Amino acid sequence: MSIKDFKVTDVTYHRNGICGRQFYSVRFSFDNDERIMDNMLAVVPHAACKSGDGAECFVIDMNNPTSYWRGDDFNDQICAAVAEYEEGGPARFKAAMEGFRAALKRPT
């Protein structure tokens, strides 16, 4: 599959319960020569990006949640986004989200 114009819109870190498995969710869009996929969600365990195991990257189209995509097709891009997030990206993403929320507020 051809992946062009891969853009990450959000990265968040999660953990299942107190001692649960750590994972990231990554919202992204891309163009696959057939159409622009603009609302994708990937879930990847924390350890999977460290090991390069694309088999544990799960991807769905949020516009059509019954569809599924091969996570290994996106693993390199998803893990690069997670690495950027871990290297200080959280502040950048937080600032972007605060700017977005501020833009949504109506002037009083």
C-alpha atoms as a PDB file:
ATOM      1  CA  MET A   1       0.000   0.000   0.000  1.00  0.00           C
ATOM      2  CA  SER A   2       1.224   3.474  -0.852  1.00  0.00           C
ATOM      3  CA  ILE A   3       1.153   5.880   2.089  1.00  0.00           C
ATOM      4  CA  LYS A   4       1.531   9.587   1.305  1.00  0.00           C
ATOM      5  CA  ASP A   5       1.047  12.739   3.357  1.00  0.00           C
ATOM      6  CA  PHE A   6       1.096  10.928   6.709  1.00  0.00           C
ATOM      7  CA  LYS A   7       0.099  13.460   9.386  1.00  0.00           C
ATOM      8  CA  VAL A   8      -0.200  12.840  13.115  1.00  0.00           C
ATOM      9  CA  THR A   9      -2.879  14.897  14.867  1.00  0.00           C
ATOM     10  CA  ASP A  10      -2.597  13.538  18.412  1.00  0.00           C
ATOM     11  CA  VAL A  11      -0.540  11.161  20.550  1.00  0.00           C
ATOM     12  CA  THR A  12      -1.644  10.116  24.028  1.00  0.00           C
ATOM     13  CA  TYR A  13      -0.184   7.755  26.593  1.00  0.00           C
ATOM     14  CA  HIS A  14      -2.426   5.334  28.504  1.00  0.00           C
ATOM     15  CA  ARG A  15      -2.187   2.514  30.979  1.00  0.00           C
ATOM     16  CA  ASN A  16      -4.794  -0.151  31.767  1.00  0.00           C
ATOM     17  CA  GLY A  17      -5.349   0.148  35.508  1.00  0.00           C
ATOM     18  CA  ILE A  18      -2.700   0.665  38.158  1.00  0.00           C
ATOM     19  CA  CYS A  19      -0.309  -2.036  36.940  1.00  0.00           C
ATOM     20  CA  GLY A  20      -1.737  -2.513  33.468  1.00  0.00           C
ATOM     21  CA  ARG A  21      -0.037  -2.616  30.128  1.00  0.00           C
ATOM     22  CA  GLN A  22       1.181   0.752  28.837  1.00  0.00           C
ATOM     23  CA  PHE A  23       0.129   1.853  25.365  1.00  0.00           C
ATOM     24  CA  TYR A  24      -0.181   4.848  23.078  1.00  0.00           C
ATOM     25  CA  SER A  25      -3.061   5.973  20.949  1.00  0.00           C
ATOM     26  CA  VAL A  26      -2.153   7.909  17.826  1.00  0.00           C
ATOM     27  CA  ARG A  27      -4.686   9.787  15.690  1.00  0.00           C
ATOM     28  CA  PHE A  28      -3.508  10.381  12.134  1.00  0.00           C
ATOM     29  CA  SER A  29      -4.449  10.872   8.505  1.00  0.00           C
ATOM     30  CA  PHE A  30      -2.884   9.847   5.216  1.00  0.00           C
ATOM     31  CA  ASP A  31      -3.502   9.586   1.480  1.00  0.00           C
ATOM     32  CA  ASN A  32      -3.459   6.054   0.033  1.00  0.00           C
ATOM     33  CA  ASP A  33      -3.907   6.941  -3.681  1.00  0.00           C
ATOM     34  CA  GLU A  34      -7.574   5.903  -3.515  1.00  0.00           C
ATOM     35  CA  ARG A  35      -8.779   8.503  -1.040  1.00  0.00           C
ATOM     36  CA  ILE A  36      -7.671  10.582   1.915  1.00  0.00           C
ATOM     37  CA  MET A  37      -8.119   8.710   5.172  1.00  0.00           C
ATOM     38  CA  ASP A  38      -8.617  11.577   7.608  1.00  0.00           C
ATOM     39  CA  ASN A  39      -9.686  10.008  10.889  1.00  0.00           C
ATOM     40  CA  MET A  40      -7.490   7.026  11.716  1.00  0.00           C
ATOM     41  CA  LEU A  41      -6.631   5.679  15.167  1.00  0.00           C
ATOM     42  CA  ALA A  42      -3.695   3.448  16.018  1.00  0.00           C
ATOM     43  CA  VAL A  43      -3.156   1.711  19.340  1.00  0.00           C
ATOM     44  CA  VAL A  44       0.341   0.419  19.979  1.00  0.00           C
ATOM     45  CA  PRO A  45       1.781  -1.093  23.161  1.00  0.00           C
ATOM     46  CA  HIS A  46       4.685   0.843  24.667  1.00  0.00           C
ATOM     47  CA  ALA A  47       7.059  -2.108  24.276  1.00  0.00           C
ATOM     48  CA  ALA A  48       6.122  -2.692  20.615  1.00  0.00           C
ATOM     49  CA  CYS A  49       7.760   0.542  19.439  1.00  0.00           C
ATOM     50  CA  LYS A  50      10.876  -0.307  21.389  1.00  0.00           C
ATOM     51  CA  SER A  51      11.063  -3.763  19.785  1.00  0.00           C
ATOM     52  CA  GLY A  52       9.915  -2.741  16.293  1.00  0.00           C
ATOM     53  CA  ASP A  53       7.136  -5.335  16.391  1.00  0.00           C
ATOM     54  CA  GLY A  54       4.539  -4.038  13.926  1.00  0.00           C
ATOM     55  CA  ALA A  55       2.273  -7.000  14.616  1.00  0.00           C
ATOM     56  CA  GLU A  56       1.066  -5.298  17.791  1.00  0.00           C
ATOM     57  CA  CYS A  57       0.070  -2.009  16.122  1.00  0.00           C
ATOM     58  CA  PHE A  58      -3.711  -1.954  15.712  1.00  0.00           C
ATOM     59  CA  VAL A  59      -5.319   0.549  13.318  1.00  0.00           C
ATOM     60  CA  ILE A  60      -8.951   1.427  12.619  1.00  0.00           C
ATOM     61  CA  ASP A  61     -10.711   4.040  10.527  1.00  0.00           C
ATOM     62  CA  MET A  62     -12.801   6.084  12.986  1.00  0.00           C
ATOM     63  CA  ASN A  63     -15.213   6.980  10.170  1.00  0.00           C
ATOM     64  CA  ASN A  64     -15.817   3.266   9.617  1.00  0.00           C
ATOM     65  CA  PRO A  65     -14.924   1.460  12.869  1.00  0.00           C
ATOM     66  CA  THR A  66     -15.882  -1.943  11.495  1.00  0.00           C
ATOM     67  CA  SER A  67     -12.972  -1.766   9.059  1.00  0.00           C
ATOM     68  CA  TYR A  68      -9.461  -2.664  10.081  1.00  0.00           C
ATOM     69  CA  TRP A  69      -6.038  -1.996   8.654  1.00  0.00           C
ATOM     70  CA  ARG A  70      -2.729  -3.790   8.873  1.00  0.00           C
ATOM     71  CA  GLY A  71      -0.863  -2.112  11.680  1.00  0.00           C
ATOM     72  CA  ASP A  72       2.505  -3.185  10.340  1.00  0.00           C
ATOM     73  CA  ASP A  73       1.884  -0.957   7.290  1.00  0.00           C
ATOM     74  CA  PHE A  74       1.970   2.050   9.631  1.00  0.00           C
ATOM     75  CA  ASN A  75       4.353   0.864  12.324  1.00  0.00           C
ATOM     76  CA  ASP A  76       7.367   2.979  11.295  1.00  0.00           C
ATOM     77  CA  GLN A  77       5.362   6.222  11.129  1.00  0.00           C
ATOM     78  CA  ILE A  78       3.434   5.478  14.329  1.00  0.00           C
ATOM     79  CA  CYS A  79       6.577   4.608  16.289  1.00  0.00           C
ATOM     80  CA  ALA A  80       8.308   7.751  14.982  1.00  0.00           C
ATOM     81  CA  ALA A  81       5.375   9.815  16.304  1.00  0.00           C
ATOM     82  CA  VAL A  82       5.582   8.023  19.669  1.00  0.00           C
ATOM     83  CA  ALA A  83       9.347   8.655  19.836  1.00  0.00           C
ATOM     84  CA  GLU A  84       8.809  12.367  19.143  1.00  0.00           C
ATOM     85  CA  TYR A  85       6.119  12.444  21.824  1.00  0.00           C
ATOM     86  CA  GLU A  86       8.459  10.794  24.342  1.00  0.00           C
ATOM     87  CA  GLU A  87      11.275  13.255  23.536  1.00  0.00           C
ATOM     88  CA  GLY A  88       9.336  16.341  24.587  1.00  0.00           C
ATOM     89  CA  GLY A  89       6.469  16.182  22.213  1.00  0.00           C
ATOM     90  CA  PRO A  90       3.890  16.117  25.038  1.00  0.00           C
ATOM     91  CA  ALA A  91       4.460  19.830  25.692  1.00  0.00           C
ATOM     92  CA  ARG A  92       4.096  20.620  21.985  1.00  0.00           C
ATOM     93  CA  PHE A  93       0.956  18.519  21.651  1.00  0.00           C
ATOM     94  CA  LYS A  94      -0.463  20.028  24.860  1.00  0.00           C
ATOM     95  CA  ALA A  95       0.199  23.556  23.558  1.00  0.00           C
ATOM     96  CA  ALA A  96      -1.458  22.709  20.247  1.00  0.00           C
ATOM     97  CA  MET A  97      -4.512  21.270  22.000  1.00  0.00           C
ATOM     98  CA  GLU A  98      -4.770  24.303  24.315  1.00  0.00           C
ATOM     99  CA  GLY A  99      -4.654  26.558  21.265  1.00  0.00           C
ATOM    100  CA  PHE A 100      -7.370  24.474  19.642  1.00  0.00           C
ATOM    101  CA  ARG A 101      -9.552  24.617  22.759  1.00  0.00           C
ATOM    102  CA  ALA A 102      -9.022  28.376  23.037  1.00  0.00           C
ATOM    103  CA  ALA A 103     -10.094  28.797  19.411  1.00  0.00           C
ATOM    104  CA  LEU A 104     -13.332  26.938  20.189  1.00  0.00           C
ATOM    105  CA  LYS A 105     -14.276  29.247  23.068  1.00  0.00           C
ATOM    106  CA  ARG A 106     -16.635  32.059  22.212  1.00  0.00           C
ATOM    107  CA  PRO A 107     -15.676  35.570  23.241  1.00  0.00           C
ATOM    108  CA  THR A 108     -17.629  36.780  26.262  1.00  0.00           C
END
